[in-house]
Amino acid sequence: MSLPASPTGARGPRPSAAQQQVLDRISAQRERLSARKAQRLAARALADGGQMPGADAPLVQRLAWFTREHPVAVAALAGAALIAGPRRMVRWVGVALPLILRLRGR
């Protein structure tokens, strides 16, 4: 059953002036939050373009891109490092770092 329509078309009592101010503030805050969320999503989409950063990009940025693109490889490398232990890791880095620096210098 449907309720009879009121003569003014309103669904209930009108809010008082103080209640209306609160409702207006809530509405403005919702608009601000949705605008901020849209801005954050746009910035994230721009930053996560999925394109590999150039060779002149900082090392941290390139490593972050590699971790996002290849999470399984990073997890496997971390697992191998945990299994190998710190002593072997220091030894491997001592051997690999000069080779990497020599290749990077070209």
PDB file of N, CA and C in Angstrom:
ATOM      1  N   MET A   1       0.829  -1.168   0.000  1.00  0.00           N
ATOM      2  CA  MET A   1       0.000   0.000   0.000  1.00  0.00           C
ATOM      3  C   MET A   1       0.878   1.237   0.000  1.00  0.00           C
ATOM      4  N   SER A   2       0.451   2.194  -0.707  1.00  0.00           N
ATOM      5  CA  SER A   2       1.228   3.427  -0.756  1.00  0.00           C
ATOM      6  C   SER A   2       0.639   4.444   0.194  1.00  0.00           C
ATOM      7  N   LEU A   3       1.504   5.296   0.675  1.00  0.00           N
ATOM      8  CA  LEU A   3       1.069   6.344   1.586  1.00  0.00           C
ATOM      9  C   LEU A   3       0.484   7.501   0.790  1.00  0.00           C
ATOM     10  N   PRO A   4      -0.474   8.184   1.350  1.00  0.00           N
ATOM     11  CA  PRO A   4      -1.031   9.334   0.624  1.00  0.00           C
ATOM     12  C   PRO A   4       0.000  10.447   0.533  1.00  0.00           C
ATOM     13  N   ALA A   5       0.028  11.083  -0.586  1.00  0.00           N
ATOM     14  CA  ALA A   5       0.989  12.156  -0.802  1.00  0.00           C
ATOM     15  C   ALA A   5       0.572  13.377  -0.004  1.00  0.00           C
ATOM     16  N   SER A   6       1.560  14.066   0.518  1.00  0.00           N
ATOM     17  CA  SER A   6       1.253  15.288   1.269  1.00  0.00           C
ATOM     18  C   SER A   6       0.930  16.399   0.280  1.00  0.00           C
ATOM     19  N   PRO A   7       0.196  17.387   0.691  1.00  0.00           N
ATOM     20  CA  PRO A   7      -0.209  18.437  -0.233  1.00  0.00           C
ATOM     21  C   PRO A   7       0.972  19.236  -0.767  1.00  0.00           C
ATOM     22  N   THR A   8       2.069  19.342  -0.013  1.00  0.00           N
ATOM     23  CA  THR A   8       3.220  20.125  -0.494  1.00  0.00           C
ATOM     24  C   THR A   8       4.208  19.265  -1.252  1.00  0.00           C
ATOM     25  N   GLY A   9       4.037  17.948  -1.206  1.00  0.00           N
ATOM     26  CA  GLY A   9       4.956  17.057  -1.911  1.00  0.00           C
ATOM     27  C   GLY A   9       6.182  16.711  -1.086  1.00  0.00           C
ATOM     28  N   ALA A  10       6.281  17.211   0.130  1.00  0.00           N
ATOM     29  CA  ALA A  10       7.423  16.916   0.995  1.00  0.00           C
ATOM     30  C   ALA A  10       7.245  15.550   1.629  1.00  0.00           C
ATOM     31  N   ARG A  11       8.325  14.904   1.981  1.00  0.00           N
ATOM     32  CA  ARG A  11       8.260  13.562   2.547  1.00  0.00           C
ATOM     33  C   ARG A  11       8.264  13.580   4.063  1.00  0.00           C
ATOM     34  N   GLY A  12       8.512  14.649   4.674  1.00  0.00           N
ATOM     35  CA  GLY A  12       8.534  14.686   6.127  1.00  0.00           C
ATOM     36  C   GLY A  12       8.691  16.120   6.582  1.00  0.00           C
ATOM     37  N   PRO A  13       8.907  16.279   7.867  1.00  0.00           N
ATOM     38  CA  PRO A  13       9.076  17.642   8.371  1.00  0.00           C
ATOM     39  C   PRO A  13      10.365  18.253   7.831  1.00  0.00           C
ATOM     40  N   ARG A  14      10.329  19.515   7.579  1.00  0.00           N
ATOM     41  CA  ARG A  14      11.517  20.210   7.072  1.00  0.00           C
ATOM     42  C   ARG A  14      12.519  20.364   8.200  1.00  0.00           C
ATOM     43  N   PRO A  15      13.815  20.256   7.897  1.00  0.00           N
ATOM     44  CA  PRO A  15      14.825  20.406   8.955  1.00  0.00           C
ATOM     45  C   PRO A  15      14.874  21.859   9.439  1.00  0.00           C
ATOM     46  N   SER A  16      15.237  22.009  10.700  1.00  0.00           N
ATOM     47  CA  SER A  16      15.381  23.353  11.248  1.00  0.00           C
ATOM     48  C   SER A  16      16.616  24.009  10.634  1.00  0.00           C
ATOM     49  N   ALA A  17      16.837  25.274  10.957  1.00  0.00           N
ATOM     50  CA  ALA A  17      17.977  25.997  10.394  1.00  0.00           C
ATOM     51  C   ALA A  17      19.297  25.359  10.820  1.00  0.00           C
ATOM     52  N   ALA A  18      19.401  24.963  12.091  1.00  0.00           N
ATOM     53  CA  ALA A  18      20.631  24.327  12.580  1.00  0.00           C
ATOM     54  C   ALA A  18      20.835  22.976  11.908  1.00  0.00           C
ATOM     55  N   GLN A  19      19.774  22.214  11.750  1.00  0.00           N
ATOM     56  CA  GLN A  19      19.883  20.918  11.084  1.00  0.00           C
ATOM     57  C   GLN A  19      20.263  21.095   9.619  1.00  0.00           C
ATOM     58  N   GLN A  20      19.717  22.111   8.993  1.00  0.00           N
ATOM     59  CA  GLN A  20      20.042  22.370   7.588  1.00  0.00           C
ATOM     60  C   GLN A  20      21.511  22.732   7.424  1.00  0.00           C
ATOM     61  N   GLN A  21      22.068  23.503   8.384  1.00  0.00           N
ATOM     62  CA  GLN A  21      23.492  23.839   8.330  1.00  0.00           C
ATOM     63  C   GLN A  21      24.344  22.581   8.427  1.00  0.00           C
ATOM     64  N   VAL A  22      23.957  21.676   9.318  1.00  0.00           N
ATOM     65  CA  VAL A  22      24.696  20.419   9.464  1.00  0.00           C
ATOM     66  C   VAL A  22      24.601  19.602   8.183  1.00  0.00           C
ATOM     67  N   LEU A  23      23.414  19.532   7.606  1.00  0.00           N
ATOM     68  CA  LEU A  23      23.245  18.791   6.357  1.00  0.00           C
ATOM     69  C   LEU A  23      24.059  19.408   5.226  1.00  0.00           C
ATOM     70  N   ASP A  24      24.123  20.730   5.180  1.00  0.00           N
ATOM     71  CA  ASP A  24      24.932  21.405   4.162  1.00  0.00           C
ATOM     72  C   ASP A  24      26.413  21.113   4.346  1.00  0.00           C
ATOM     73  N   ARG A  25      26.876  21.118   5.616  1.00  0.00           N
ATOM     74  CA  ARG A  25      28.295  20.801   5.872  1.00  0.00           C
ATOM     75  C   ARG A  25      28.607  19.360   5.484  1.00  0.00           C
ATOM     76  N   ILE A  26      27.686  18.452   5.768  1.00  0.00           N
ATOM     77  CA  ILE A  26      27.888  17.050   5.401  1.00  0.00           C
ATOM     78  C   ILE A  26      27.965  16.922   3.881  1.00  0.00           C
ATOM     79  N   SER A  27      27.092  17.596   3.193  1.00  0.00           N
ATOM     80  CA  SER A  27      27.087  17.548   1.728  1.00  0.00           C
ATOM     81  C   SER A  27      28.384  18.114   1.155  1.00  0.00           C
ATOM     82  N   ALA A  28      28.838  19.248   1.719  1.00  0.00           N
ATOM     83  CA  ALA A  28      30.087  19.851   1.236  1.00  0.00           C
ATOM     84  C   ALA A  28      31.275  18.935   1.503  1.00  0.00           C
ATOM     85  N   GLN A  29      31.267  18.283   2.662  1.00  0.00           N
ATOM     86  CA  GLN A  29      32.368  17.375   2.974  1.00  0.00           C
ATOM     87  C   GLN A  29      32.364  16.169   2.035  1.00  0.00           C
ATOM     88  N   ARG A  30      31.192  15.650   1.720  1.00  0.00           N
ATOM     89  CA  ARG A  30      31.122  14.528   0.776  1.00  0.00           C
ATOM     90  C   ARG A  30      31.658  14.935  -0.586  1.00  0.00           C
ATOM     91  N   GLU A  31      31.341  16.137  -1.021  1.00  0.00           N
ATOM     92  CA  GLU A  31      31.857  16.613  -2.310  1.00  0.00           C
ATOM     93  C   GLU A  31      33.372  16.752  -2.272  1.00  0.00           C
ATOM     94  N   ARG A  32      33.902  17.298  -1.154  1.00  0.00           N
ATOM     95  CA  ARG A  32      35.360  17.432  -1.025  1.00  0.00           C
ATOM     96  C   ARG A  32      36.038  16.074  -1.046  1.00  0.00           C
ATOM     97  N   LEU A  33      35.467  15.117  -0.299  1.00  0.00           N
ATOM     98  CA  LEU A  33      36.075  13.790  -0.248  1.00  0.00           C
ATOM     99  C   LEU A  33      36.042  13.088  -1.600  1.00  0.00           C
ATOM    100  N   SER A  34      34.938  13.227  -2.313  1.00  0.00           N
ATOM    101  CA  SER A  34      34.868  12.579  -3.631  1.00  0.00           C
ATOM    102  C   SER A  34      35.819  13.261  -4.614  1.00  0.00           C
ATOM    103  N   ALA A  35      35.969  14.578  -4.521  1.00  0.00           N
ATOM    104  CA  ALA A  35      36.921  15.267  -5.393  1.00  0.00           C
ATOM    105  C   ALA A  35      38.352  14.856  -5.059  1.00  0.00           C
ATOM    106  N   ARG A  36      38.657  14.718  -3.761  1.00  0.00           N
ATOM    107  CA  ARG A  36      40.007  14.309  -3.367  1.00  0.00           C
ATOM    108  C   ARG A  36      40.294  12.884  -3.826  1.00  0.00           C
ATOM    109  N   LYS A  37      39.288  12.012  -3.723  1.00  0.00           N
ATOM    110  CA  LYS A  37      39.473  10.630  -4.168  1.00  0.00           C
ATOM    111  C   LYS A  37      39.703  10.569  -5.671  1.00  0.00           C
ATOM    112  N   ALA A  38      38.942  11.355  -6.422  1.00  0.00           N
ATOM    113  CA  ALA A  38      39.134  11.380  -7.877  1.00  0.00           C
ATOM    114  C   ALA A  38      40.516  11.900  -8.231  1.00  0.00           C
ATOM    115  N   GLN A  39      40.974  12.917  -7.502  1.00  0.00           N
ATOM    116  CA  GLN A  39      42.300  13.475  -7.760  1.00  0.00           C
ATOM    117  C   GLN A  39      43.383  12.447  -7.428  1.00  0.00           C
ATOM    118  N   ARG A  40      43.216  11.730  -6.318  1.00  0.00           N
ATOM    119  CA  ARG A  40      44.203  10.725  -5.937  1.00  0.00           C
ATOM    120  C   ARG A  40      44.242   9.588  -6.946  1.00  0.00           C
ATOM    121  N   LEU A  41      43.071   9.148  -7.426  1.00  0.00           N
ATOM    122  CA  LEU A  41      43.037   8.081  -8.432  1.00  0.00           C
ATOM    123  C   LEU A  41      43.676   8.529  -9.741  1.00  0.00           C
ATOM    124  N   ALA A  42      43.454   9.792 -10.119  1.00  0.00           N
ATOM    125  CA  ALA A  42      44.065  10.304 -11.345  1.00  0.00           C
ATOM    126  C   ALA A  42      45.584  10.368 -11.204  1.00  0.00           C
ATOM    127  N   ALA A  43      46.060  10.791 -10.036  1.00  0.00           N
ATOM    128  CA  ALA A  43      47.509  10.859  -9.816  1.00  0.00           C
ATOM    129  C   ALA A  43      48.120   9.468  -9.814  1.00  0.00           C
ATOM    130  N   ARG A  44      47.420   8.508  -9.211  1.00  0.00           N
ATOM    131  CA  ARG A  44      47.934   7.141  -9.189  1.00  0.00           C
ATOM    132  C   ARG A  44      47.968   6.544 -10.596  1.00  0.00           C
ATOM    133  N   ALA A  45      46.935   6.821 -11.382  1.00  0.00           N
ATOM    134  CA  ALA A  45      46.903   6.308 -12.752  1.00  0.00           C
ATOM    135  C   ALA A  45      48.021   6.915 -13.581  1.00  0.00           C
ATOM    136  N   LEU A  46      48.311   8.181 -13.331  1.00  0.00           N
ATOM    137  CA  LEU A  46      49.389   8.838 -14.058  1.00  0.00           C
ATOM    138  C   LEU A  46      50.745   8.274 -13.640  1.00  0.00           C
ATOM    139  N   ALA A  47      50.908   8.032 -12.331  1.00  0.00           N
ATOM    140  CA  ALA A  47      52.181   7.509 -11.836  1.00  0.00           C
ATOM    141  C   ALA A  47      52.375   6.047 -12.218  1.00  0.00           C
ATOM    142  N   ASP A  48      51.294   5.283 -12.232  1.00  0.00           N
ATOM    143  CA  ASP A  48      51.381   3.857 -12.560  1.00  0.00           C
ATOM    144  C   ASP A  48      51.069   3.633 -14.030  1.00  0.00           C
ATOM    145  N   GLY A  49      51.696   4.380 -14.870  1.00  0.00           N
ATOM    146  CA  GLY A  49      51.443   4.243 -16.290  1.00  0.00           C
ATOM    147  C   GLY A  49      51.846   2.888 -16.824  1.00  0.00           C
ATOM    148  N   GLY A  50      52.612   2.120 -16.041  1.00  0.00           N
ATOM    149  CA  GLY A  50      53.024   0.804 -16.481  1.00  0.00           C
ATOM    150  C   GLY A  50      54.222   0.845 -17.413  1.00  0.00           C
ATOM    151  N   GLN A  51      54.672   2.027 -17.725  1.00  0.00           N
ATOM    152  CA  GLN A  51      55.814   2.135 -18.617  1.00  0.00           C
ATOM    153  C   GLN A  51      57.087   2.111 -17.791  1.00  0.00           C
ATOM    154  N   MET A  52      58.089   1.446 -18.333  1.00  0.00           N
ATOM    155  CA  MET A  52      59.366   1.367 -17.641  1.00  0.00           C
ATOM    156  C   MET A  52      59.998   2.747 -17.602  1.00  0.00           C
ATOM    157  N   PRO A  53      60.497   3.155 -16.431  1.00  0.00           N
ATOM    158  CA  PRO A  53      61.162   4.455 -16.370  1.00  0.00           C
ATOM    159  C   PRO A  53      62.442   4.436 -17.195  1.00  0.00           C
ATOM    160  N   GLY A  54      62.839   5.574 -17.645  1.00  0.00           N
ATOM    161  CA  GLY A  54      64.020   5.676 -18.488  1.00  0.00           C
ATOM    162  C   GLY A  54      65.297   5.343 -17.738  1.00  0.00           C
ATOM    163  N   ALA A  55      66.371   5.222 -18.479  1.00  0.00           N
ATOM    164  CA  ALA A  55      67.664   4.888 -17.879  1.00  0.00           C
ATOM    165  C   ALA A  55      68.170   6.006 -16.979  1.00  0.00           C
ATOM    166  N   ASP A  56      67.697   7.226 -17.199  1.00  0.00           N
ATOM    167  CA  ASP A  56      68.140   8.339 -16.369  1.00  0.00           C
ATOM    168  C   ASP A  56      67.301   8.494 -15.105  1.00  0.00           C
ATOM    169  N   ALA A  57      66.300   7.631 -14.917  1.00  0.00           N
ATOM    170  CA  ALA A  57      65.461   7.687 -13.717  1.00  0.00           C
ATOM    171  C   ALA A  57      66.266   7.199 -12.519  1.00  0.00           C
ATOM    172  N   PRO A  58      65.920   7.680 -11.332  1.00  0.00           N
ATOM    173  CA  PRO A  58      66.646   7.233 -10.135  1.00  0.00           C
ATOM    174  C   PRO A  58      66.505   5.724  -9.925  1.00  0.00           C
ATOM    175  N   LEU A  59      67.505   5.143  -9.291  1.00  0.00           N
ATOM    176  CA  LEU A  59      67.532   3.701  -9.063  1.00  0.00           C
ATOM    177  C   LEU A  59      66.328   3.250  -8.246  1.00  0.00           C
ATOM    178  N   VAL A  60      65.932   4.041  -7.263  1.00  0.00           N
ATOM    179  CA  VAL A  60      64.803   3.660  -6.417  1.00  0.00           C
ATOM    180  C   VAL A  60      63.525   3.573  -7.250  1.00  0.00           C
ATOM    181  N   GLN A  61      63.345   4.503  -8.169  1.00  0.00           N
ATOM    182  CA  GLN A  61      62.147   4.489  -9.011  1.00  0.00           C
ATOM    183  C   GLN A  61      62.148   3.264  -9.925  1.00  0.00           C
ATOM    184  N   ARG A  62      63.302   2.931 -10.481  1.00  0.00           N
ATOM    185  CA  ARG A  62      63.378   1.745 -11.332  1.00  0.00           C
ATOM    186  C   ARG A  62      63.154   0.469 -10.541  1.00  0.00           C
ATOM    187  N   LEU A  63      63.683   0.406  -9.297  1.00  0.00           N
ATOM    188  CA  LEU A  63      63.455  -0.772  -8.464  1.00  0.00           C
ATOM    189  C   LEU A  63      61.978  -0.889  -8.074  1.00  0.00           C
ATOM    190  N   ALA A  64      61.339   0.227  -7.790  1.00  0.00           N
ATOM    191  CA  ALA A  64      59.908   0.201  -7.456  1.00  0.00           C
ATOM    192  C   ALA A  64      59.100  -0.295  -8.651  1.00  0.00           C
ATOM    193  N   TRP A  65      59.452   0.146  -9.840  1.00  0.00           N
ATOM    194  CA  TRP A  65      58.753  -0.322 -11.045  1.00  0.00           C
ATOM    195  C   TRP A  65      58.951  -1.831 -11.213  1.00  0.00           C
ATOM    196  N   PHE A  66      60.192  -2.296 -11.024  1.00  0.00           N
ATOM    197  CA  PHE A  66      60.484  -3.719 -11.185  1.00  0.00           C
ATOM    198  C   PHE A  66      59.694  -4.550 -10.173  1.00  0.00           C
ATOM    199  N   THR A  67      59.585  -4.063  -8.935  1.00  0.00           N
ATOM    200  CA  THR A  67      58.836  -4.804  -7.915  1.00  0.00           C
ATOM    201  C   THR A  67      57.355  -4.862  -8.251  1.00  0.00           C
ATOM    202  N   ARG A  68      56.807  -3.782  -8.794  1.00  0.00           N
ATOM    203  CA  ARG A  68      55.386  -3.800  -9.176  1.00  0.00           C
ATOM    204  C   ARG A  68      55.151  -4.720 -10.365  1.00  0.00           C
ATOM    205  N   GLU A  69      56.069  -4.740 -11.303  1.00  0.00           N
ATOM    206  CA  GLU A  69      55.882  -5.535 -12.514  1.00  0.00           C
ATOM    207  C   GLU A  69      56.217  -7.008 -12.329  1.00  0.00           C
ATOM    208  N   HIS A  70      57.127  -7.332 -11.413  1.00  0.00           N
ATOM    209  CA  HIS A  70      57.596  -8.710 -11.242  1.00  0.00           C
ATOM    210  C   HIS A  70      57.575  -9.117  -9.772  1.00  0.00           C
ATOM    211  N   PRO A  71      56.407  -9.201  -9.155  1.00  0.00           N
ATOM    212  CA  PRO A  71      56.368  -9.525  -7.718  1.00  0.00           C
ATOM    213  C   PRO A  71      56.839 -10.941  -7.406  1.00  0.00           C
ATOM    214  N   VAL A  72      56.626 -11.877  -8.308  1.00  0.00           N
ATOM    215  CA  VAL A  72      57.048 -13.258  -8.050  1.00  0.00           C
ATOM    216  C   VAL A  72      58.569 -13.355  -8.046  1.00  0.00           C
ATOM    217  N   ALA A  73      59.220 -12.667  -8.970  1.00  0.00           N
ATOM    218  CA  ALA A  73      60.684 -12.693  -9.024  1.00  0.00           C
ATOM    219  C   ALA A  73      61.278 -12.063  -7.767  1.00  0.00           C
ATOM    220  N   VAL A  74      60.679 -10.978  -7.302  1.00  0.00           N
ATOM    221  CA  VAL A  74      61.180 -10.320  -6.090  1.00  0.00           C
ATOM    222  C   VAL A  74      60.973 -11.223  -4.878  1.00  0.00           C
ATOM    223  N   ALA A  75      59.824 -11.896  -4.818  1.00  0.00           N
ATOM    224  CA  ALA A  75      59.576 -12.821  -3.704  1.00  0.00           C
ATOM    225  C   ALA A  75      60.555 -13.986  -3.738  1.00  0.00           C
ATOM    226  N   ALA A  76      60.859 -14.495  -4.923  1.00  0.00           N
ATOM    227  CA  ALA A  76      61.820 -15.595  -5.045  1.00  0.00           C
ATOM    228  C   ALA A  76      63.215 -15.143  -4.621  1.00  0.00           C
ATOM    229  N   LEU A  77      63.583 -13.946  -4.999  1.00  0.00           N
ATOM    230  CA  LEU A  77      64.893 -13.412  -4.616  1.00  0.00           C
ATOM    231  C   LEU A  77      64.968 -13.213  -3.107  1.00  0.00           C
ATOM    232  N   ALA A  78      63.901 -12.698  -2.511  1.00  0.00           N
ATOM    233  CA  ALA A  78      63.883 -12.517  -1.052  1.00  0.00           C
ATOM    234  C   ALA A  78      63.943 -13.870  -0.346  1.00  0.00           C
ATOM    235  N   GLY A  79      63.238 -14.862  -0.866  1.00  0.00           N
ATOM    236  CA  GLY A  79      63.285 -16.201  -0.280  1.00  0.00           C
ATOM    237  C   GLY A  79      64.676 -16.811  -0.368  1.00  0.00           C
ATOM    238  N   ALA A  80      65.328 -16.639  -1.515  1.00  0.00           N
ATOM    239  CA  ALA A  80      66.697 -17.150  -1.672  1.00  0.00           C
ATOM    240  C   ALA A  80      67.646 -16.453  -0.709  1.00  0.00           C
ATOM    241  N   ALA A  81      67.444 -15.155  -0.497  1.00  0.00           N
ATOM    242  CA  ALA A  81      68.297 -14.422   0.434  1.00  0.00           C
ATOM    243  C   ALA A  81      68.093 -14.917   1.868  1.00  0.00           C
ATOM    244  N   LEU A  82      66.852 -15.226   2.226  1.00  0.00           N
ATOM    245  CA  LEU A  82      66.595 -15.742   3.570  1.00  0.00           C
ATOM    246  C   LEU A  82      67.204 -17.123   3.775  1.00  0.00           C
ATOM    247  N   ILE A  83      67.134 -17.939   2.744  1.00  0.00           N
ATOM    248  CA  ILE A  83      67.687 -19.292   2.847  1.00  0.00           C
ATOM    249  C   ILE A  83      69.209 -19.254   2.895  1.00  0.00           C
ATOM    250  N   ALA A  84      69.814 -18.393   2.091  1.00  0.00           N
ATOM    251  CA  ALA A  84      71.271 -18.333   2.001  1.00  0.00           C
ATOM    252  C   ALA A  84      71.901 -17.820   3.289  1.00  0.00           C
ATOM    253  N   GLY A  85      71.269 -16.888   3.931  1.00  0.00           N
ATOM    254  CA  GLY A  85      71.820 -16.345   5.172  1.00  0.00           C
ATOM    255  C   GLY A  85      72.668 -15.107   4.913  1.00  0.00           C
ATOM    256  N   PRO A  86      72.933 -14.351   5.950  1.00  0.00           N
ATOM    257  CA  PRO A  86      73.624 -13.070   5.784  1.00  0.00           C
ATOM    258  C   PRO A  86      75.087 -13.200   5.345  1.00  0.00           C
ATOM    259  N   ARG A  87      75.776 -14.231   5.805  1.00  0.00           N
ATOM    260  CA  ARG A  87      77.195 -14.370   5.466  1.00  0.00           C
ATOM    261  C   ARG A  87      77.386 -14.598   3.965  1.00  0.00           C
ATOM    262  N   ARG A  88      76.575 -15.497   3.414  1.00  0.00           N
ATOM    263  CA  ARG A  88      76.672 -15.765   1.973  1.00  0.00           C
ATOM    264  C   ARG A  88      76.219 -14.554   1.168  1.00  0.00           C
ATOM    265  N   MET A  89      75.211 -13.855   1.644  1.00  0.00           N
ATOM    266  CA  MET A  89      74.733 -12.676   0.919  1.00  0.00           C
ATOM    267  C   MET A  89      75.831 -11.619   0.822  1.00  0.00           C
ATOM    268  N   VAL A  90      76.553 -11.399   1.903  1.00  0.00           N
ATOM    269  CA  VAL A  90      77.650 -10.427   1.877  1.00  0.00           C
ATOM    270  C   VAL A  90      78.714 -10.886   0.891  1.00  0.00           C
ATOM    271  N   ARG A  91      79.007 -12.177   0.872  1.00  0.00           N
ATOM    272  CA  ARG A  91      79.994 -12.701  -0.079  1.00  0.00           C
ATOM    273  C   ARG A  91      79.530 -12.505  -1.524  1.00  0.00           C
ATOM    274  N   TRP A  92      78.259 -12.829  -1.800  1.00  0.00           N
ATOM    275  CA  TRP A  92      77.738 -12.684  -3.167  1.00  0.00           C
ATOM    276  C   TRP A  92      77.728 -11.225  -3.606  1.00  0.00           C
ATOM    277  N   VAL A  93      77.344 -10.345  -2.707  1.00  0.00           N
ATOM    278  CA  VAL A  93      77.329  -8.920  -3.055  1.00  0.00           C
ATOM    279  C   VAL A  93      78.746  -8.431  -3.307  1.00  0.00           C
ATOM    280  N   GLY A  94      79.695  -8.933  -2.541  1.00  0.00           N
ATOM    281  CA  GLY A  94      81.093  -8.547  -2.750  1.00  0.00           C
ATOM    282  C   GLY A  94      81.614  -8.965  -4.108  1.00  0.00           C
ATOM    283  N   VAL A  95      81.095 -10.039  -4.657  1.00  0.00           N
ATOM    284  CA  VAL A  95      81.498 -10.491  -5.991  1.00  0.00           C
ATOM    285  C   VAL A  95      80.686  -9.783  -7.076  1.00  0.00           C
ATOM    286  N   ALA A  96      79.386  -9.653  -6.860  1.00  0.00           N
ATOM    287  CA  ALA A  96      78.504  -9.124  -7.903  1.00  0.00           C
ATOM    288  C   ALA A  96      78.583  -7.613  -8.042  1.00  0.00           C
ATOM    289  N   LEU A  97      78.799  -6.887  -6.951  1.00  0.00           N
ATOM    290  CA  LEU A  97      78.780  -5.431  -7.016  1.00  0.00           C
ATOM    291  C   LEU A  97      79.849  -4.857  -7.945  1.00  0.00           C
ATOM    292  N   PRO A  98      81.101  -5.322  -7.893  1.00  0.00           N
ATOM    293  CA  PRO A  98      82.080  -4.780  -8.853  1.00  0.00           C
ATOM    294  C   PRO A  98      81.704  -5.062 -10.306  1.00  0.00           C
ATOM    295  N   LEU A  99      81.120  -6.236 -10.566  1.00  0.00           N
ATOM    296  CA  LEU A  99      80.697  -6.545 -11.935  1.00  0.00           C
ATOM    297  C   LEU A  99      79.581  -5.609 -12.384  1.00  0.00           C
ATOM    298  N   ILE A 100      78.627  -5.365 -11.506  1.00  0.00           N
ATOM    299  CA  ILE A 100      77.510  -4.475 -11.846  1.00  0.00           C
ATOM    300  C   ILE A 100      78.011  -3.058 -12.078  1.00  0.00           C
ATOM    301  N   LEU A 101      78.896  -2.610 -11.214  1.00  0.00           N
ATOM    302  CA  LEU A 101      79.427  -1.233 -11.371  1.00  0.00           C
ATOM    303  C   LEU A 101      80.241  -1.100 -12.656  1.00  0.00           C
ATOM    304  N   ARG A 102      80.960  -2.146 -13.021  1.00  0.00           N
ATOM    305  CA  ARG A 102      81.751  -2.108 -14.253  1.00  0.00           C
ATOM    306  C   ARG A 102      80.820  -2.055 -15.476  1.00  0.00           C
ATOM    307  N   LEU A 103      79.746  -2.865 -15.461  1.00  0.00           N
ATOM    308  CA  LEU A 103      78.799  -2.845 -16.567  1.00  0.00           C
ATOM    309  C   LEU A 103      78.047  -1.524 -16.634  1.00  0.00           C
ATOM    310  N   ARG A 104      77.749  -0.944 -15.502  1.00  0.00           N
ATOM    311  CA  ARG A 104      77.015   0.324 -15.483  1.00  0.00           C
ATOM    312  C   ARG A 104      77.870   1.486 -15.963  1.00  0.00           C
ATOM    313  N   GLY A 105      79.178   1.383 -15.779  1.00  0.00           N
ATOM    314  CA  GLY A 105      80.084   2.454 -16.186  1.00  0.00           C
ATOM    315  C   GLY A 105      80.219   2.590 -17.690  1.00  0.00           C
ATOM    316  N   ARG A 106      79.802   1.595 -18.453  1.00  0.00           N
ATOM    317  CA  ARG A 106      79.936   1.639 -19.920  1.00  0.00           C
ATOM    318  C   ARG A 106      78.981   2.583 -20.533  1.00  0.00           C
TER     319      ARG A 106
END
